[in-house]
Protein backbone atom coordinates (compact mmCIF):
# COMPACT_ATOMS: atom_id res chain seq x y z
CA UNK A 1 114.68 107.18 96.80
CA UNK A 2 115.84 103.42 97.79
CA UNK A 3 113.11 100.77 97.62
CA UNK A 4 113.28 97.19 99.53
CA UNK A 5 111.65 94.31 97.98
CA UNK A 6 109.14 92.91 100.68
CA UNK A 7 108.57 89.08 100.56
CA UNK A 8 106.68 86.52 102.92
CA UNK A 9 106.22 82.85 102.72
CA UNK A 10 102.78 83.92 104.28
CA UNK A 11 101.59 84.98 101.01
CA UNK A 12 101.94 83.48 97.18
CA UNK A 13 105.27 83.54 96.08
CA UNK A 14 105.91 85.90 92.39
CA UNK A 15 105.69 83.90 89.54
CA UNK A 16 107.07 86.08 87.38
CA UNK A 17 109.71 89.03 87.54
CA UNK A 18 107.75 91.24 90.32
CA UNK A 19 107.93 91.18 93.66
CA UNK A 20 105.06 90.69 96.33
CA UNK A 21 105.47 94.60 97.41
CA UNK A 22 108.32 97.36 97.48
CA UNK A 23 108.69 99.69 100.25
CA UNK A 24 109.91 103.23 99.33
CA UNK A 25 110.38 105.83 101.88
CA UNK A 26 107.14 105.88 104.00
CA UNK A 27 104.86 103.60 101.60
CA UNK A 28 104.53 100.13 100.38
CA UNK A 29 103.20 99.11 97.06
CA UNK A 30 101.86 95.59 96.84
CA UNK A 31 101.82 93.81 93.25
CA UNK A 32 98.37 92.47 92.73
CA UNK A 33 97.24 89.54 94.31
CA UNK A 34 94.80 86.85 93.40
CA UNK A 35 93.31 83.59 95.06
CA UNK A 36 95.97 81.78 95.64
CA UNK A 37 96.33 79.77 98.55
CA UNK A 38 99.95 80.25 99.72
CA UNK A 39 100.45 76.86 101.12
CA UNK A 40 99.54 75.00 98.00
CA UNK A 41 100.34 77.73 95.28
CA UNK A 42 96.44 76.62 93.71
CA UNK A 43 93.77 78.59 93.33
CA UNK A 44 90.86 78.49 96.46
CA UNK A 45 87.91 77.03 95.88
CA UNK A 46 84.57 78.71 95.72
CA UNK A 47 83.13 81.48 94.76
CA UNK A 48 83.84 85.32 94.66
CA UNK A 49 83.44 85.89 98.53
CA UNK A 50 86.23 82.95 99.10
CA UNK A 51 88.18 84.40 96.57
CA UNK A 52 87.85 87.72 97.96
CA UNK A 53 89.14 86.73 101.55
CA UNK A 54 91.75 84.96 100.28
CA UNK A 55 93.34 87.65 98.32
CA UNK A 56 92.47 90.40 101.04
CA UNK A 57 94.50 87.50 103.74
CA UNK A 58 97.41 87.45 101.27
CA UNK A 59 97.79 91.11 101.18
CA UNK A 60 97.35 91.37 104.91
CA UNK A 61 100.37 89.07 105.15
CA UNK A 62 102.40 90.96 102.64
CA UNK A 63 101.44 94.70 104.65
CA UNK A 64 102.32 92.89 107.89
CA UNK A 65 105.64 91.41 106.91
CA UNK A 66 106.73 95.52 105.34
CA UNK A 67 105.56 96.68 109.35
CA UNK A 68 102.45 97.87 108.10
CA UNK A 69 98.52 96.83 108.29
CA UNK A 70 95.64 97.09 106.49
CA UNK A 71 94.32 100.26 108.81
CA UNK A 72 97.13 102.18 106.77
CA UNK A 73 96.31 101.77 103.13
CA UNK A 74 95.70 104.79 101.37
CA UNK A 75 94.39 103.69 98.07
CA UNK A 76 92.86 100.24 96.20
CA UNK A 77 93.05 98.91 93.02
CA UNK A 78 90.40 96.01 92.77
CA UNK A 79 89.89 93.98 89.32
CA UNK A 80 86.74 91.88 88.87
CA UNK A 81 86.13 89.41 86.04
CA UNK A 82 82.41 90.19 86.36
CA UNK A 83 81.26 93.55 87.96
CA UNK A 84 77.74 91.71 89.33
CA UNK A 85 80.13 90.43 91.86
CA UNK A 86 80.71 93.87 93.16
CA UNK A 87 78.26 93.80 96.37
CA UNK A 88 79.75 90.54 97.20
CA UNK A 89 83.26 91.50 96.98
CA UNK A 90 82.27 94.62 98.39
CA UNK A 91 80.78 92.97 101.82
CA UNK A 92 84.24 90.89 102.32
CA UNK A 93 86.46 94.05 100.95
CA UNK A 94 84.73 96.47 103.77
CA UNK A 95 85.37 94.35 106.68
CA UNK A 96 89.11 94.15 105.88
CA UNK A 97 89.64 97.71 104.62
CA UNK A 98 86.80 99.50 106.17
CA UNK A 99 85.63 98.14 109.48
CA UNK A 100 83.60 100.89 112.29
CA UNK A 101 86.32 103.63 113.08
CA UNK A 102 88.75 102.93 110.09
CA UNK A 103 88.74 105.64 106.60
CA UNK A 104 88.24 103.47 103.98
CA UNK A 105 91.04 103.89 101.25
CA UNK A 106 90.85 105.61 98.19
CA UNK A 107 89.55 103.19 95.47
CA UNK A 108 89.45 102.09 92.10
CA UNK A 109 87.32 99.09 90.67
CA UNK A 110 87.51 98.05 87.15
CA UNK A 111 85.79 95.08 85.34
CA UNK A 112 88.53 93.36 82.84
CA UNK A 113 88.26 90.49 80.63
CA UNK A 114 90.66 87.87 82.07
CA UNK A 115 92.49 87.75 85.10
CA UNK A 116 95.21 85.32 85.75
CA UNK A 117 94.48 81.55 86.39
CA UNK A 118 90.76 82.78 85.46
CA UNK A 119 90.38 83.97 88.67
CA UNK A 120 87.37 86.11 89.52
CA UNK A 121 89.34 89.07 91.42
CA UNK A 122 92.51 90.83 91.61
CA UNK A 123 93.46 93.20 94.26
CA UNK A 124 96.41 95.67 94.59
CA UNK A 125 97.25 98.25 97.41
CA UNK A 126 99.28 100.96 98.30
CA UNK A 127 99.83 101.28 101.96
CA UNK A 128 101.59 104.02 104.69
CA UNK A 129 103.88 102.72 107.06
């Protein structure tokens, strides 16, 4: 099976030896995204709501660049710095990945000791083309 790199300037550039996403077969696998503003490369200000929104906007841009959409997401993995932020993250997450009439993707959510740049949330997605 072949793989193709997905890249868009509408999401933060990869800051290491990885791709924003890889398209293979009829699936797109995104790298974990954190709350970086693609224009400045800086972490957005605010708390879990603002950071989750930025993360999901970055993921939306990557999926659209790959030729798919948030509605076609089949699996999500969420990494939280503090599980006390779950409800606030979930409220934003639901508007992007489980709006009315769209089946919610399968999901794993875990609390982690630390995330890149000390952000509060990181999310990665797998979507169908």
